[in-house]
Protein backbone atom coordinates (compact mmCIF):
# COMPACT_ATOMS: atom_id res chain seq x y z
CA MET A 1 0.10 0.18 0.10
CA ALA A 2 1.48 3.49 -0.92
CA PRO A 3 2.00 5.91 1.32
CA SER A 4 -0.54 8.81 1.73
CA ALA A 5 -0.13 12.47 1.76
CA PRO A 6 0.11 14.17 5.18
CA SER A 7 -3.44 15.62 5.85
CA GLU A 8 -4.24 19.70 5.80
CA GLN A 9 -4.92 19.15 9.73
CA GLY A 10 -1.55 17.58 10.31
CA SER A 11 0.80 19.90 8.63
CA ALA A 12 -1.04 22.66 10.32
CA ALA A 13 -0.46 21.14 13.53
CA VAL A 14 3.24 20.58 12.76
CA SER A 15 3.32 24.27 11.57
CA ALA A 16 1.96 25.30 14.67
CA ALA A 17 4.14 23.59 16.84
CA LEU A 18 7.28 24.94 15.23
CA PRO A 19 9.01 28.09 16.50
CA PRO A 20 8.16 30.89 13.86
CA ALA A 21 11.48 31.56 11.22
CA LYS A 22 13.86 34.36 11.91
CA ARG A 23 13.68 36.74 9.34
CA SER A 24 16.38 38.88 7.62
CA TYR A 25 15.12 41.92 5.43
CA ALA A 26 17.16 43.90 2.66
CA VAL A 27 17.33 47.40 3.64
CA VAL A 28 19.02 50.52 2.90
CA TRP A 29 19.07 53.08 5.62
CA SER A 30 20.15 56.45 6.56
CA ARG A 31 21.74 57.90 9.83
CA GLY A 32 22.46 61.86 9.64
CA ASP A 33 24.83 61.69 6.52
CA GLU A 34 25.72 58.31 6.51
CA ILE A 35 23.89 56.00 3.99
CA GLY A 36 24.46 52.14 4.13
CA SER A 37 22.45 49.39 2.62
CA GLY A 38 22.76 45.41 4.40
CA ARG A 39 20.49 43.27 6.33
CA LEU A 40 18.26 44.16 9.21
CA ASP A 41 17.65 41.46 11.62
CA PRO A 42 14.44 42.08 13.89
CA PHE A 43 14.74 40.65 17.32
CA ALA A 44 12.05 41.60 20.12
CA ASP A 45 13.86 44.84 21.85
CA ARG A 46 15.58 46.09 18.68
CA PHE A 47 16.92 45.86 15.26
CA ASP A 48 20.45 45.07 14.15
CA LEU A 49 21.44 46.61 10.85
CA CYS A 50 24.16 45.05 9.46
CA GLY A 51 26.41 46.18 6.51
CA ARG A 52 29.62 46.02 4.58
CA GLU A 53 31.20 48.98 6.22
CA ARG A 54 29.19 49.21 9.34
CA SER A 55 26.60 47.33 11.87
CA PHE A 56 24.43 48.69 14.48
CA SER A 57 21.42 48.27 17.03
CA ILE A 58 18.67 50.18 17.19
CA ARG A 59 16.83 49.66 20.83
CA PHE A 60 13.21 50.24 20.93
CA SER A 61 13.54 51.34 24.32
CA GLU A 62 15.68 54.00 23.50
CA LEU A 63 13.20 55.90 20.64
CA LEU A 64 10.63 58.52 21.36
CA GLY A 65 8.69 57.70 18.18
CA ALA A 66 8.17 56.09 14.67
CA ALA A 67 6.47 56.69 11.75
CA ILE A 68 6.36 55.63 8.14
CA ALA A 69 7.23 59.01 5.90
CA ARG A 70 6.23 58.76 2.27
CA GLY A 71 7.35 62.18 1.24
CA GLN A 72 9.71 63.29 -1.51
CA GLY A 73 12.34 64.66 0.63
CA GLU A 74 11.92 61.72 3.09
CA ARG A 75 12.54 58.78 0.95
CA LEU A 76 15.69 56.64 0.39
CA ARG A 77 16.46 55.81 -3.23
CA GLY A 78 12.69 56.78 -3.95
CA LEU A 79 11.43 54.36 -1.19
CA PRO A 80 9.27 55.08 1.57
CA VAL A 81 10.88 54.61 4.84
CA LEU A 82 10.53 53.70 8.60
CA VAL A 83 11.88 56.86 10.83
CA LEU A 84 13.13 55.92 13.89
CA ARG A 85 13.58 58.79 16.38
CA PRO A 86 15.93 58.34 19.36
CA VAL A 87 15.78 59.86 22.63
CA SER A 88 19.06 61.44 21.82
CA GLY A 89 20.99 61.10 18.33
CA VAL A 90 20.08 61.39 14.65
CA SER A 91 16.84 59.60 13.22
CA VAL A 92 17.32 56.69 11.51
CA ARG A 93 15.37 55.92 8.13
CA ILE A 94 15.12 52.42 6.95
CA ALA A 95 13.97 51.44 3.76
CA THR A 96 12.92 47.90 2.42
CA LEU A 97 14.61 46.72 -1.08
CA GLU A 98 11.72 43.83 -0.60
CA GLY A 99 8.33 45.85 -1.01
CA ALA A 100 5.98 48.25 0.86
CA GLY A 101 4.37 45.15 2.62
CA VAL A 102 7.87 44.58 4.42
CA LEU A 103 7.82 47.97 5.94
CA HIS A 104 4.45 47.31 7.28
CA GLU A 105 6.05 44.18 8.94
CA LEU A 106 8.73 46.40 10.46
CA VAL A 107 6.08 48.43 11.77
CA GLN A 108 4.98 45.42 13.50
CA HIS A 109 8.13 44.76 15.32
CA VAL A 110 8.22 48.03 16.78
CA GLU A 111 4.33 48.01 17.68
CA ARG A 112 5.18 44.79 19.43
CA ALA A 113 7.54 46.41 21.47
CA GLY A 114 5.30 48.60 22.81
CA LEU A 115 5.76 51.79 20.75
CA ALA A 116 3.19 53.62 18.77
CA VAL A 117 3.96 53.87 14.76
CA ALA A 118 2.28 56.83 12.94
CA VAL A 119 1.35 55.43 9.67
């Protein structure tokens, strides 16, 4: 007798039991006059930005606010950005190279940390 294909219910139960996969995002960012590109790794308490020349972390607890900016002067390489405003220092703008939907995924990470995001 040939083995049967797994049922949809069985597959869903297995998927629900597995931890969510950690996802990295291809991004462009700016901080002051510095512009970089590379990878954004989201964590519960921060974003880690890793590029060829530079890497740094943005802790959500050190932010005053966040917003999605779509204005012509606010964009990076023509893309809308997530603006993270720290308590001290300059704002960080992050644009995703993977589509506008991913920008909203980044917003969800920030909101889960308890920070309101203006969209």
